[in-house]
Amino acid sequence: MADGYYEDEAPLQGFRLSSFRRVLAFGRPYLGVFVLVIVIALVVAGFEIGLPLVFAQVIDAADTGDAERAWLMMPIYAFLVAVLVAAIMAFINLVGGVSARVAHDIRRDSFDRLQDLEFGYFDVRPTGWLMSRLTSDCNKIARIMGWATLDLAWGSATILVVAVVLFLNDFVLASIVMGTVPLLAVAGRWFQVRLLETARLVRKTNSRVTATYNESILGVRTTKTLVQEDNNARDFEAVSARMMNESMAHALYGAAFMPTIGVICSLGVAGALWFGGDHVIAGVITIGILSMFMHFATFLQEPVKEMARQLTMIQSAQASAERITDLLETEPKIRDSEAVLERIAAYGGDEPGLACDGLPNHIRRVRFEGVTFGYKPDRPVLHDFSLAVEPGQTIALVGPTGGGKSTIVSLLCRFYEPTHGRILIDEHDVQDRSLSWYQSRLGIVLQQPHLFTGTVAENIRYGRLDASDDAVAEAAALVRADAFIDRLKDGYQTQVGSGGVLLSTGQKQLIALARAVIADPEIFVMDEATSSVDTETERLIQDAIERVLEKRIAFVIAHRLSTIRSADRILVIQNGRMTESGRHEELLGQNGHYAQLYRDHLVSWDEMQRA
């Protein structure tokens, strides 16, 4: 039952440079650093190769009894080590820094783009998928741009310089030692791919194990009530056994990797000893040079292994690069048109009474004209909806779940755009108004309001960031939230926890209402905003809502009679169509769907008698 709990990782694909073209642009500001890193990598490679050459000289000096020559090598060796240590520290610092900066730049641009995208983009993408774009995908790209650049430069330079040094000293021995490089490359690449694939399987199955275990704990009462302990145990045994097998496969590849590389290196050492011994006897090379060949025969495994690992990581990061590119290149479907942008740019902002787009800085009337909409273009959920709302009117939307009520207010808020028809604000198409200006004129309180980590005051002030403490307290008092806030240990400075977890649902709705009030909106939207508030609390805030809505347009979706009874107009929305319209008493007199809802859901029998 927990198959959805696993990491989003794509299988390895054939390498395509085009997949990285967009994300590589993030490295352009740091091109100088990358060049410096490559230069330092070349220095490190050269000095690492210089150490065996010094050893060879010391061995030859000892063999010939040339003590002066041997002692001369000591300061040279110390110099090489000192420079090598300094260079390694430098490139680790540089690569770590540039990787962190690239990751920051990708995360910043990705987050900015997510902020610009419309609701429809989030409707079809899970939260975990979006979070992975800003975490694992960004880190993968930054890692390959930093460490892969360094390791590939170091590895290539090391192999090239070693090859030159070896061939300059003995062609036959060099051919033997360098002949192991292709074998090391093939073996390293094969094992790295297998290790990566099995590690992914282990992580995926571990997520399922964790999810299964978590579900068994959270659902323990249901499990015991339905006597499903044995079935749960079998499910857990199956997924746990699968993880065991995959972990063993990963361990097996890991255990075989180094011995395989060791065997290949041993072939180079054996060949160097076999033929090198003859060459030493024949006087072609010295014992010191032979020791250098043997050292390089084993040393070459390091750059080859590292390059194989980085190439595998680059291939693995290809899917991340494509996902990041897809996000960055996704254009918002809901944004200011070119005409609006031109008006914003041309308007100087000095004329009173005008908004940033040069049109009136107020909302008096709202009109829907033949609006049709579908979350999927071929499946409309709202059909030919028309409505005229006058200044100060409250519109209540009622009807069965899925009938289209939330769709209407979502279109009003420009979370989506109509498929057909239009929405007018004071005779101007809402799409001809500045999006940011328009949405700043809205006050929205949802059925499940979201609170941000922070204090009560900070969450209320989120509606208007420059609001004073007095304004925050005034907004809370207006919606009757001050009573419970004053009872909190730290009052307005009380931490609400992630998502408001430390508060009740009713308390969160009161804070959300205060947050909407402090923004001083011209249109209020309440989507079942009091559905989780107890009757007493609802009675307290009902008067506040009526005061807040005075001279403002309001759209209210509610299941409670008290929330909609005083509405200027009640719309019954069924199957995406407005089937009834009127005031409360008028709709009861029609004895239609609203009257049925009223009898079945909105009031108790006692309240019906009082009505």
Foldseek 3Di string as FASTA:
>chain_A
DQLVQFDDFDAFDDDDVVLQPVLVVLCVVVVVLLVVLLVLLLLLLVLVLVLLVLQLQLVQCVVVVVVVSNVVSVVVNVVSVVSNVVSVVVLVVSLVVQLVSSLVVLLVLLVVLVVQAFPLVPVPDDPSRSVCLSPVLSNLSSCLVRVVSNLLSNLVSNLVVVLVVLCVQPVVLSCLLNVLLVVLLVLLLVLLSQLVVLVSVLRRLVSVLVSLVVCCVVCVVVCVVVVCVVVSVVVNVVSVVVSVVSVVSSVVSVVVRVVVLVVSLVSSLVVLCVVVVVCCVVVSHHPSVSVSSNVSSNVSSVSSNSNSNSVSSSSSSSVSSNVSVVSSPDDHPQAADPLQVVQLVPDPPPDPQADSSRHGLAFFKKWWAQFWADSDLVDTQAGGDIDIDGWLFEEEEEEDPSLCQVVVVCCVLPSDDTPDTFMDGVNHTPSSHHNVSSNLQEQEQEQLDFAAWFFLLCRLCVNPVPDDPVLLCVLLVLQVLQVVLVVDPVRRRDTLPGRSPNDDRQSRLSSSSSSSLSSLHQEYEYHQSCVPPDPVSCVSRLVSVSVSSGRHYYYYYHQECSNQQPGQKYFYGGSNYGPDMGHPVVVCVVVDPVVVSCPPGHDDPVVVVVD
